Amino acid sequence: MATVLVTGGSGKLGQYVVRHLRSSGWSVVSVDRVRHPDSTVQSTVVDLMDAGAVMDMVSSINERHEGLDAAVHLAAIPAPGIAPDKTTIDNNFNSTLNVFMAARNAGVKKVVFASSETVLGLPFDTPPPYVPVDEEYEPRPESFYSLSKVLEERLARELCRWDESLSMVGLRFSNVIDPAEYPDFENYQDDPMARKWNLWGYIDARDGALAVERALLFEQPGFEPFIIASPDTVMRKTNTELLEAVFPGVPLRREISEHETLLGIDKARRLLGFNPQHSWRG
């Protein structure tokens, strides 16, 4: 049974990830600032800004674990505007640096971490270069939160350059949605501008957890980023209607269906075998 460390395991996405990995046969150690709400989960309280505590958590062989096969780093201030910009970038980048360094020093060769759709240019006050957007154009951070994610991706890329046996996957998650939140989608239907900030995208938390598992099973060394989104938009209006109303003139890179996500998941489908199963449409 492979053992994986999940930071942010008590968070919104983290709880789904912990549950999914355990049900798939992984031995999971959840790390967060609070204990995991499920008392059956191996859970440890760690401040990820404390480099020494993170190093101990990742490398020590004691009652918490007997060595890690992989690390999943989800813990972060999850969006811009929640905390002051300086706090956000300090917390997100430095906690990630601590986790990455500890994993590297402990010989962990597989790291999956939460990047963000925001690196694509959200909130798209400058229109996207084309749709569906993908991983082929350079990151366009428009906030300090997004900048922290760009820096994390660059850190992963450099660490993989130093160690050619290291595999690091950055999952550019769309807006994580718990299925209980689906009724809120009714609030967007009359105003295309209400969710234009991420091209009307989302990711069902259950499929977000699936993406983490697929990334853990991805054996290719090096750094790879993947956009992770649900297969459709949050809107009943068609993509043609939405794009004509909000982003006229933005070119289509390929043909798209009426409600297909504009956050391109083609690469994740092709390389990770990511096949999202859930939609708010039922």
C-alpha atoms as a PDB file:
ATOM      1  CA  MET A   1       0.000   0.000   0.000  1.00  0.00           C
ATOM      2  CA  ALA A   2       1.576   3.280  -1.113  1.00  0.00           C
ATOM      3  CA  THR A   3       1.647   6.117   1.414  1.00  0.00           C
ATOM      4  CA  VAL A   4       0.849   9.672   0.377  1.00  0.00           C
ATOM      5  CA  LEU A   5       0.994  12.900   2.374  1.00  0.00           C
ATOM      6  CA  VAL A   6      -1.869  15.316   1.647  1.00  0.00           C
ATOM      7  CA  THR A   7      -1.440  18.884   2.851  1.00  0.00           C
ATOM      8  CA  GLY A   8      -4.665  20.830   3.215  1.00  0.00           C
ATOM      9  CA  GLY A   9      -6.431  17.530   3.787  1.00  0.00           C
ATOM     10  CA  SER A  10      -9.079  19.201   5.943  1.00  0.00           C
ATOM     11  CA  GLY A  11      -9.965  21.750   3.262  1.00  0.00           C
ATOM     12  CA  LYS A  12     -12.797  21.787   0.751  1.00  0.00           C
ATOM     13  CA  LEU A  13     -10.993  19.860  -1.984  1.00  0.00           C
ATOM     14  CA  GLY A  14      -8.658  18.125   0.449  1.00  0.00           C
ATOM     15  CA  GLN A  15     -11.421  16.183   2.157  1.00  0.00           C
ATOM     16  CA  TYR A  16     -12.565  14.795  -1.186  1.00  0.00           C
ATOM     17  CA  VAL A  17      -8.986  13.920  -2.108  1.00  0.00           C
ATOM     18  CA  VAL A  18      -8.348  12.123   1.179  1.00  0.00           C
ATOM     19  CA  ARG A  19     -11.602  10.168   0.876  1.00  0.00           C
ATOM     20  CA  HIS A  20     -10.981   9.238  -2.756  1.00  0.00           C
ATOM     21  CA  LEU A  21      -7.389   8.120  -2.250  1.00  0.00           C
ATOM     22  CA  ARG A  22      -8.279   6.020   0.778  1.00  0.00           C
ATOM     23  CA  SER A  23     -11.088   4.346  -1.139  1.00  0.00           C
ATOM     24  CA  SER A  24      -8.595   3.627  -3.942  1.00  0.00           C
ATOM     25  CA  GLY A  25      -6.221   1.834  -1.601  1.00  0.00           C
ATOM     26  CA  TRP A  26      -3.736   4.536  -0.666  1.00  0.00           C
ATOM     27  CA  SER A  27      -2.489   4.995   2.879  1.00  0.00           C
ATOM     28  CA  VAL A  28      -3.090   8.700   3.515  1.00  0.00           C
ATOM     29  CA  VAL A  29      -1.532  11.081   6.046  1.00  0.00           C
ATOM     30  CA  SER A  30      -3.497  14.337   6.212  1.00  0.00           C
ATOM     31  CA  VAL A  31      -1.651  17.486   7.255  1.00  0.00           C
ATOM     32  CA  ASP A  32      -3.331  20.795   7.977  1.00  0.00           C
ATOM     33  CA  ARG A  33      -3.628  23.556  10.558  1.00  0.00           C
ATOM     34  CA  VAL A  34      -6.585  21.662  12.018  1.00  0.00           C
ATOM     35  CA  ARG A  35      -7.234  17.965  12.415  1.00  0.00           C
ATOM     36  CA  HIS A  36      -9.162  16.139   9.753  1.00  0.00           C
ATOM     37  CA  PRO A  37     -12.895  15.947  10.625  1.00  0.00           C
ATOM     38  CA  ASP A  38     -12.891  12.178  10.011  1.00  0.00           C
ATOM     39  CA  SER A  39     -11.335  10.645  13.108  1.00  0.00           C
ATOM     40  CA  THR A  40     -10.354   7.514  11.166  1.00  0.00           C
ATOM     41  CA  VAL A  41      -7.940   9.537   9.004  1.00  0.00           C
ATOM     42  CA  GLN A  42      -4.302   9.657  10.066  1.00  0.00           C
ATOM     43  CA  SER A  43      -4.099  13.388  10.733  1.00  0.00           C
ATOM     44  CA  THR A  44      -1.398  15.736  11.985  1.00  0.00           C
ATOM     45  CA  VAL A  45      -1.546  19.453  12.755  1.00  0.00           C
ATOM     46  CA  VAL A  46       1.400  21.281  11.161  1.00  0.00           C
ATOM     47  CA  ASP A  47       2.030  24.919  10.308  1.00  0.00           C
ATOM     48  CA  LEU A  48       3.480  24.651   6.802  1.00  0.00           C
ATOM     49  CA  MET A  49       5.242  27.983   7.273  1.00  0.00           C
ATOM     50  CA  ASP A  50       7.445  26.243   9.851  1.00  0.00           C
ATOM     51  CA  ALA A  51      10.164  24.680   7.702  1.00  0.00           C
ATOM     52  CA  GLY A  52      11.500  22.525  10.517  1.00  0.00           C
ATOM     53  CA  ALA A  53       8.091  21.091  11.336  1.00  0.00           C
ATOM     54  CA  VAL A  54       7.453  20.336   7.662  1.00  0.00           C
ATOM     55  CA  MET A  55      10.837  18.651   7.325  1.00  0.00           C
ATOM     56  CA  ASP A  56      10.078  16.484  10.347  1.00  0.00           C
ATOM     57  CA  MET A  57       6.619  15.606   9.057  1.00  0.00           C
ATOM     58  CA  VAL A  58       7.876  14.552   5.635  1.00  0.00           C
ATOM     59  CA  SER A  59      11.088  12.783   6.573  1.00  0.00           C
ATOM     60  CA  SER A  60      10.525  11.270   9.996  1.00  0.00           C
ATOM     61  CA  ILE A  61       9.725   7.591  10.363  1.00  0.00           C
ATOM     62  CA  ASN A  62       7.560   7.223  13.443  1.00  0.00           C
ATOM     63  CA  GLU A  63       3.968   6.625  14.412  1.00  0.00           C
ATOM     64  CA  ARG A  64       2.750   8.978  11.669  1.00  0.00           C
ATOM     65  CA  HIS A  65       4.187   7.068   8.723  1.00  0.00           C
ATOM     66  CA  GLU A  66       7.006   4.724   7.751  1.00  0.00           C
ATOM     67  CA  GLY A  67       8.159   6.681   4.736  1.00  0.00           C
ATOM     68  CA  LEU A  68       6.304   8.462   1.939  1.00  0.00           C
ATOM     69  CA  ASP A  69       5.845   7.346  -1.637  1.00  0.00           C
ATOM     70  CA  ALA A  70       4.324  10.652  -2.762  1.00  0.00           C
ATOM     71  CA  ALA A  71       3.176  14.067  -1.605  1.00  0.00           C
ATOM     72  CA  VAL A  72       0.058  16.003  -2.584  1.00  0.00           C
ATOM     73  CA  HIS A  73       0.254  19.692  -1.688  1.00  0.00           C
ATOM     74  CA  LEU A  74      -3.149  21.400  -1.623  1.00  0.00           C
ATOM     75  CA  ALA A  75      -2.810  23.732   1.368  1.00  0.00           C
ATOM     76  CA  ALA A  76      -2.923  27.438   0.514  1.00  0.00           C
ATOM     77  CA  ILE A  77      -4.844  30.641   0.881  1.00  0.00           C
ATOM     78  CA  PRO A  78      -7.193  29.549  -1.919  1.00  0.00           C
ATOM     79  CA  ALA A  79      -8.030  32.772  -3.763  1.00  0.00           C
ATOM     80  CA  PRO A  80      -7.153  36.457  -4.088  1.00  0.00           C
ATOM     81  CA  GLY A  81      -8.845  38.886  -1.730  1.00  0.00           C
ATOM     82  CA  ILE A  82      -9.077  36.563   1.266  1.00  0.00           C
ATOM     83  CA  ALA A  83      -5.935  37.961   2.901  1.00  0.00           C
ATOM     84  CA  PRO A  84      -3.666  40.940   2.180  1.00  0.00           C
ATOM     85  CA  ASP A  85      -1.540  40.444  -0.924  1.00  0.00           C
ATOM     86  CA  LYS A  86       1.729  40.198   1.021  1.00  0.00           C
ATOM     87  CA  THR A  87       0.245  37.606   3.360  1.00  0.00           C
ATOM     88  CA  THR A  88      -1.075  35.603   0.422  1.00  0.00           C
ATOM     89  CA  ILE A  89       2.174  35.425  -1.496  1.00  0.00           C
ATOM     90  CA  ASP A  90       4.256  34.841   1.640  1.00  0.00           C
ATOM     91  CA  ASN A  91       2.019  32.023   2.819  1.00  0.00           C
ATOM     92  CA  ASN A  92       1.480  30.295  -0.511  1.00  0.00           C
ATOM     93  CA  PHE A  93       4.980  30.411  -1.903  1.00  0.00           C
ATOM     94  CA  ASN A  94       6.894  29.783   1.308  1.00  0.00           C
ATOM     95  CA  SER A  95       4.687  26.917   2.464  1.00  0.00           C
ATOM     96  CA  THR A  96       5.105  25.349  -0.972  1.00  0.00           C
ATOM     97  CA  LEU A  97       8.856  25.890  -0.830  1.00  0.00           C
ATOM     98  CA  ASN A  98       8.953  24.138   2.549  1.00  0.00           C
ATOM     99  CA  VAL A  99       6.943  21.153   1.280  1.00  0.00           C
ATOM    100  CA  PHE A 100       8.971  20.829  -1.915  1.00  0.00           C
ATOM    101  CA  MET A 101      12.310  21.088  -0.120  1.00  0.00           C
ATOM    102  CA  ALA A 102      11.267  18.579   2.534  1.00  0.00           C
ATOM    103  CA  ALA A 103      10.040  16.125  -0.103  1.00  0.00           C
ATOM    104  CA  ARG A 104      13.253  16.491  -2.070  1.00  0.00           C
ATOM    105  CA  ASN A 105      15.425  15.993   1.010  1.00  0.00           C
ATOM    106  CA  ALA A 106      13.400  12.917   1.991  1.00  0.00           C
ATOM    107  CA  GLY A 107      13.842  11.358  -1.431  1.00  0.00           C
ATOM    108  CA  VAL A 108      10.166  11.627  -2.417  1.00  0.00           C
ATOM    109  CA  LYS A 109      10.136  11.453  -6.206  1.00  0.00           C
ATOM    110  CA  LYS A 110       6.439  12.112  -6.849  1.00  0.00           C
ATOM    111  CA  VAL A 111       4.820  15.446  -5.983  1.00  0.00           C
ATOM    112  CA  VAL A 112       1.386  16.660  -7.079  1.00  0.00           C
ATOM    113  CA  PHE A 113       0.385  20.199  -6.160  1.00  0.00           C
ATOM    114  CA  ALA A 114      -2.498  22.596  -6.575  1.00  0.00           C
ATOM    115  CA  SER A 115      -1.731  25.304  -9.064  1.00  0.00           C
ATOM    116  CA  SER A 116      -4.628  27.415 -10.303  1.00  0.00           C
ATOM    117  CA  GLU A 117      -6.693  28.414 -13.301  1.00  0.00           C
ATOM    118  CA  THR A 118      -5.767  32.008 -12.413  1.00  0.00           C
ATOM    119  CA  VAL A 119      -2.364  31.590 -14.078  1.00  0.00           C
ATOM    120  CA  LEU A 120      -4.231  31.594 -17.416  1.00  0.00           C
ATOM    121  CA  GLY A 121      -5.032  35.301 -17.082  1.00  0.00           C
ATOM    122  CA  LEU A 122      -8.065  35.415 -14.799  1.00  0.00           C
ATOM    123  CA  PRO A 123     -10.210  37.466 -14.410  1.00  0.00           C
ATOM    124  CA  PHE A 124      -9.727  37.943 -18.163  1.00  0.00           C
ATOM    125  CA  ASP A 125     -10.047  41.722 -18.093  1.00  0.00           C
ATOM    126  CA  THR A 126      -7.634  41.229 -20.969  1.00  0.00           C
ATOM    127  CA  PRO A 127      -9.376  38.661 -23.182  1.00  0.00           C
ATOM    128  CA  PRO A 128      -7.793  35.234 -23.517  1.00  0.00           C
ATOM    129  CA  PRO A 129      -5.597  34.743 -26.610  1.00  0.00           C
ATOM    130  CA  TYR A 130      -7.948  32.006 -27.859  1.00  0.00           C
ATOM    131  CA  VAL A 131     -10.469  29.482 -26.611  1.00  0.00           C
ATOM    132  CA  PRO A 132     -10.474  26.881 -25.321  1.00  0.00           C
ATOM    133  CA  VAL A 133      -7.502  28.130 -23.303  1.00  0.00           C
ATOM    134  CA  ASP A 134      -4.766  25.585 -22.703  1.00  0.00           C
ATOM    135  CA  GLU A 135      -1.293  25.061 -21.250  1.00  0.00           C
ATOM    136  CA  GLU A 136       0.553  26.202 -24.367  1.00  0.00           C
ATOM    137  CA  TYR A 137       0.748  29.942 -23.715  1.00  0.00           C
ATOM    138  CA  GLU A 138       2.865  31.576 -21.033  1.00  0.00           C
ATOM    139  CA  PRO A 139       1.243  32.202 -17.620  1.00  0.00           C
ATOM    140  CA  ARG A 140      -0.437  35.582 -17.267  1.00  0.00           C
ATOM    141  CA  PRO A 141      -0.775  36.284 -13.509  1.00  0.00           C
ATOM    142  CA  GLU A 142      -3.061  39.223 -12.746  1.00  0.00           C
ATOM    143  CA  SER A 143      -2.983  39.048  -8.919  1.00  0.00           C
ATOM    144  CA  PHE A 144      -0.478  38.247  -6.198  1.00  0.00           C
ATOM    145  CA  TYR A 145      -2.374  35.033  -5.567  1.00  0.00           C
ATOM    146  CA  SER A 146      -1.900  34.034  -9.192  1.00  0.00           C
ATOM    147  CA  LEU A 147       1.718  35.157  -9.067  1.00  0.00           C
ATOM    148  CA  SER A 148       2.311  32.834  -6.102  1.00  0.00           C
ATOM    149  CA  LYS A 149       1.060  29.933  -8.244  1.00  0.00           C
ATOM    150  CA  VAL A 150       3.271  30.920 -11.181  1.00  0.00           C
ATOM    151  CA  LEU A 151       6.267  31.000  -8.838  1.00  0.00           C
ATOM    152  CA  GLU A 152       5.345  27.567  -7.475  1.00  0.00           C
ATOM    153  CA  GLU A 153       5.207  26.166 -10.990  1.00  0.00           C
ATOM    154  CA  ARG A 154       8.584  27.711 -11.800  1.00  0.00           C
ATOM    155  CA  LEU A 155      10.036  26.270  -8.597  1.00  0.00           C
ATOM    156  CA  ALA A 156       8.790  22.812  -9.574  1.00  0.00           C
ATOM    157  CA  ARG A 157      10.257  23.175 -13.058  1.00  0.00           C
ATOM    158  CA  GLU A 158      13.683  24.093 -11.668  1.00  0.00           C
ATOM    159  CA  LEU A 159      13.695  21.291  -9.091  1.00  0.00           C
ATOM    160  CA  CYS A 160      12.936  18.811 -11.860  1.00  0.00           C
ATOM    161  CA  ARG A 161      15.792  20.260 -13.908  1.00  0.00           C
ATOM    162  CA  TRP A 162      18.110  19.597 -10.960  1.00  0.00           C
ATOM    163  CA  ASP A 163      16.826  16.044 -10.514  1.00  0.00           C
ATOM    164  CA  GLU A 164      15.829  14.270 -13.717  1.00  0.00           C
ATOM    165  CA  SER A 165      14.176  11.443 -11.764  1.00  0.00           C
ATOM    166  CA  LEU A 166      11.716  13.786 -10.038  1.00  0.00           C
ATOM    167  CA  SER A 167       8.104  13.968 -11.257  1.00  0.00           C
ATOM    168  CA  MET A 168       6.067  17.045 -10.295  1.00  0.00           C
ATOM    169  CA  VAL A 169       2.558  17.770 -11.560  1.00  0.00           C
ATOM    170  CA  GLY A 170       0.869  21.145 -11.164  1.00  0.00           C
ATOM    171  CA  LEU A 171      -2.915  20.875 -11.369  1.00  0.00           C
ATOM    172  CA  ARG A 172      -4.449  24.156 -12.491  1.00  0.00           C
ATOM    173  CA  PHE A 173      -7.767  23.621 -10.756  1.00  0.00           C
ATOM    174  CA  SER A 174     -10.813  25.561 -11.824  1.00  0.00           C
ATOM    175  CA  ASN A 175     -13.271  26.871  -9.213  1.00  0.00           C
ATOM    176  CA  VAL A 176     -13.814  23.897  -6.886  1.00  0.00           C
ATOM    177  CA  ILE A 177     -17.497  23.171  -6.349  1.00  0.00           C
ATOM    178  CA  ASP A 178     -19.083  20.878  -3.790  1.00  0.00           C
ATOM    179  CA  PRO A 179     -22.168  19.203  -5.309  1.00  0.00           C
ATOM    180  CA  ALA A 180     -24.277  20.879  -2.602  1.00  0.00           C
ATOM    181  CA  GLU A 181     -23.424  24.225  -4.245  1.00  0.00           C
ATOM    182  CA  TYR A 182     -24.966  23.371  -7.618  1.00  0.00           C
ATOM    183  CA  PRO A 183     -28.262  25.192  -6.889  1.00  0.00           C
ATOM    184  CA  ASP A 184     -26.216  28.423  -6.728  1.00  0.00           C
ATOM    185  CA  PHE A 185     -25.574  28.139 -10.462  1.00  0.00           C
ATOM    186  CA  GLU A 186     -29.085  29.495 -11.020  1.00  0.00           C
ATOM    187  CA  ASN A 187     -27.766  32.882  -9.892  1.00  0.00           C
ATOM    188  CA  TYR A 188     -25.551  33.189 -12.987  1.00  0.00           C
ATOM    189  CA  GLN A 189     -27.972  32.324 -15.743  1.00  0.00           C
ATOM    190  CA  ASP A 190     -29.289  35.826 -16.543  1.00  0.00           C
ATOM    191  CA  ASP A 191     -25.897  37.547 -16.628  1.00  0.00           C
ATOM    192  CA  PRO A 192     -23.022  36.136 -18.726  1.00  0.00           C
ATOM    193  CA  MET A 193     -20.680  38.632 -17.063  1.00  0.00           C
ATOM    194  CA  ALA A 194     -21.221  37.103 -13.618  1.00  0.00           C
ATOM    195  CA  ARG A 195     -18.886  34.216 -14.348  1.00  0.00           C
ATOM    196  CA  LYS A 196     -16.866  35.481 -17.308  1.00  0.00           C
ATOM    197  CA  TRP A 197     -13.872  35.780 -14.972  1.00  0.00           C
ATOM    198  CA  ASN A 198     -12.988  32.103 -15.456  1.00  0.00           C
ATOM    199  CA  LEU A 199     -14.700  31.445 -18.795  1.00  0.00           C
ATOM    200  CA  TRP A 200     -17.719  30.024 -16.946  1.00  0.00           C
ATOM    201  CA  GLY A 201     -15.704  27.073 -15.655  1.00  0.00           C
ATOM    202  CA  TYR A 202     -15.748  24.905 -12.530  1.00  0.00           C
ATOM    203  CA  ILE A 203     -14.496  21.573 -11.233  1.00  0.00           C
ATOM    204  CA  ASP A 204     -16.670  19.185  -9.265  1.00  0.00           C
ATOM    205  CA  ALA A 205     -14.691  18.325  -6.124  1.00  0.00           C
ATOM    206  CA  ARG A 206     -15.172  14.616  -6.805  1.00  0.00           C
ATOM    207  CA  ASP A 207     -13.515  14.968 -10.197  1.00  0.00           C
ATOM    208  CA  GLY A 208     -10.827  17.159  -8.651  1.00  0.00           C
ATOM    209  CA  ALA A 209      -9.979  14.243  -6.388  1.00  0.00           C
ATOM    210  CA  LEU A 210      -9.918  11.921  -9.387  1.00  0.00           C
ATOM    211  CA  ALA A 211      -7.455  14.254 -11.116  1.00  0.00           C
ATOM    212  CA  VAL A 212      -5.133  14.057  -8.103  1.00  0.00           C
ATOM    213  CA  GLU A 213      -5.114  10.274  -8.266  1.00  0.00           C
ATOM    214  CA  ARG A 214      -4.488  10.292 -12.016  1.00  0.00           C
ATOM    215  CA  ALA A 215      -1.595  12.708 -11.470  1.00  0.00           C
ATOM    216  CA  LEU A 216      -0.116  10.435  -8.791  1.00  0.00           C
ATOM    217  CA  LEU A 217      -0.168   7.580 -11.301  1.00  0.00           C
ATOM    218  CA  PHE A 218       1.510   9.700 -14.008  1.00  0.00           C
ATOM    219  CA  GLU A 219       5.022   8.259 -14.228  1.00  0.00           C
ATOM    220  CA  GLN A 220       6.709  10.715 -16.575  1.00  0.00           C
ATOM    221  CA  PRO A 221       9.601  12.571 -14.886  1.00  0.00           C
ATOM    222  CA  GLY A 222       9.863  16.339 -15.060  1.00  0.00           C
ATOM    223  CA  PHE A 223       7.327  19.101 -14.441  1.00  0.00           C
ATOM    224  CA  GLU A 224       3.971  19.147 -16.202  1.00  0.00           C
ATOM    225  CA  PRO A 225       1.033  21.549 -15.716  1.00  0.00           C
ATOM    226  CA  PHE A 226      -2.539  20.458 -16.409  1.00  0.00           C
ATOM    227  CA  ILE A 227      -5.789  22.418 -16.502  1.00  0.00           C
ATOM    228  CA  ILE A 228      -8.391  20.559 -14.434  1.00  0.00           C
ATOM    229  CA  ALA A 229     -12.018  21.497 -15.054  1.00  0.00           C
ATOM    230  CA  SER A 230     -15.404  19.866 -15.380  1.00  0.00           C
ATOM    231  CA  PRO A 231     -16.404  18.961 -18.949  1.00  0.00           C
ATOM    232  CA  ASP A 232     -19.006  21.723 -19.295  1.00  0.00           C
ATOM    233  CA  THR A 233     -19.656  25.340 -18.347  1.00  0.00           C
ATOM    234  CA  VAL A 234     -21.854  26.668 -15.535  1.00  0.00           C
ATOM    235  CA  MET A 235     -24.253  28.225 -18.048  1.00  0.00           C
ATOM    236  CA  ARG A 236     -27.338  27.160 -19.988  1.00  0.00           C
ATOM    237  CA  LYS A 237     -26.495  29.705 -22.677  1.00  0.00           C
ATOM    238  CA  THR A 238     -24.407  28.197 -25.446  1.00  0.00           C
ATOM    239  CA  ASN A 239     -20.741  28.963 -25.899  1.00  0.00           C
ATOM    240  CA  THR A 240     -21.578  30.838 -29.082  1.00  0.00           C
ATOM    241  CA  GLU A 241     -23.939  33.127 -27.162  1.00  0.00           C
ATOM    242  CA  LEU A 242     -21.477  33.627 -24.320  1.00  0.00           C
ATOM    243  CA  LEU A 243     -18.482  34.396 -26.502  1.00  0.00           C
ATOM    244  CA  GLU A 244     -20.419  36.769 -28.759  1.00  0.00           C
ATOM    245  CA  ALA A 245     -21.698  38.670 -25.705  1.00  0.00           C
ATOM    246  CA  VAL A 246     -18.478  38.842 -23.687  1.00  0.00           C
ATOM    247  CA  PHE A 247     -15.443  37.986 -25.825  1.00  0.00           C
ATOM    248  CA  PRO A 248     -16.303  38.879 -29.439  1.00  0.00           C
ATOM    249  CA  GLY A 249     -13.345  38.432 -31.730  1.00  0.00           C
ATOM    250  CA  VAL A 250     -11.481  35.920 -29.562  1.00  0.00           C
ATOM    251  CA  PRO A 251     -10.503  33.133 -31.971  1.00  0.00           C
ATOM    252  CA  LEU A 252     -11.579  29.534 -31.595  1.00  0.00           C
ATOM    253  CA  ARG A 253      -8.618  27.164 -31.576  1.00  0.00           C
ATOM    254  CA  ARG A 254     -10.793  24.218 -32.532  1.00  0.00           C
ATOM    255  CA  GLU A 255     -14.452  23.328 -32.821  1.00  0.00           C
ATOM    256  CA  ILE A 256     -16.353  23.261 -29.533  1.00  0.00           C
ATOM    257  CA  SER A 257     -19.749  21.934 -28.565  1.00  0.00           C
ATOM    258  CA  GLU A 258     -22.577  24.038 -27.135  1.00  0.00           C
ATOM    259  CA  HIS A 259     -21.670  23.695 -23.473  1.00  0.00           C
ATOM    260  CA  GLU A 260     -18.129  22.287 -23.555  1.00  0.00           C
ATOM    261  CA  THR A 261     -15.699  23.736 -21.050  1.00  0.00           C
ATOM    262  CA  LEU A 262     -13.603  26.600 -22.413  1.00  0.00           C
ATOM    263  CA  LEU A 263     -10.863  25.643 -19.951  1.00  0.00           C
ATOM    264  CA  GLY A 264      -9.245  23.068 -22.189  1.00  0.00           C
ATOM    265  CA  ILE A 265      -8.749  19.698 -20.499  1.00  0.00           C
ATOM    266  CA  ASP A 266      -7.481  17.965 -23.638  1.00  0.00           C
ATOM    267  CA  LYS A 267      -3.954  17.554 -22.252  1.00  0.00           C
ATOM    268  CA  ALA A 268      -5.227  16.105 -18.962  1.00  0.00           C
ATOM    269  CA  ARG A 269      -7.439  13.678 -20.857  1.00  0.00           C
ATOM    270  CA  ARG A 270      -4.587  12.622 -23.133  1.00  0.00           C
ATOM    271  CA  LEU A 271      -1.681  12.303 -20.698  1.00  0.00           C
ATOM    272  CA  LEU A 272      -3.358  11.657 -17.344  1.00  0.00           C
ATOM    273  CA  GLY A 273      -6.358   9.696 -18.544  1.00  0.00           C
ATOM    274  CA  PHE A 274      -8.488  12.259 -16.689  1.00  0.00           C
ATOM    275  CA  ASN A 275     -12.115  11.610 -17.549  1.00  0.00           C
ATOM    276  CA  PRO A 276     -14.389  13.790 -15.392  1.00  0.00           C
ATOM    277  CA  GLN A 277     -17.658  12.091 -14.519  1.00  0.00           C
ATOM    278  CA  HIS A 278     -19.753  14.759 -12.810  1.00  0.00           C
ATOM    279  CA  SER A 279     -21.789  17.712 -14.058  1.00  0.00           C
ATOM    280  CA  TRP A 280     -24.251  20.119 -12.495  1.00  0.00           C
ATOM    281  CA  ARG A 281     -26.593  19.269 -15.366  1.00  0.00           C
ATOM    282  CA  GLY A 282     -27.180  15.820 -13.877  1.00  0.00           C
END
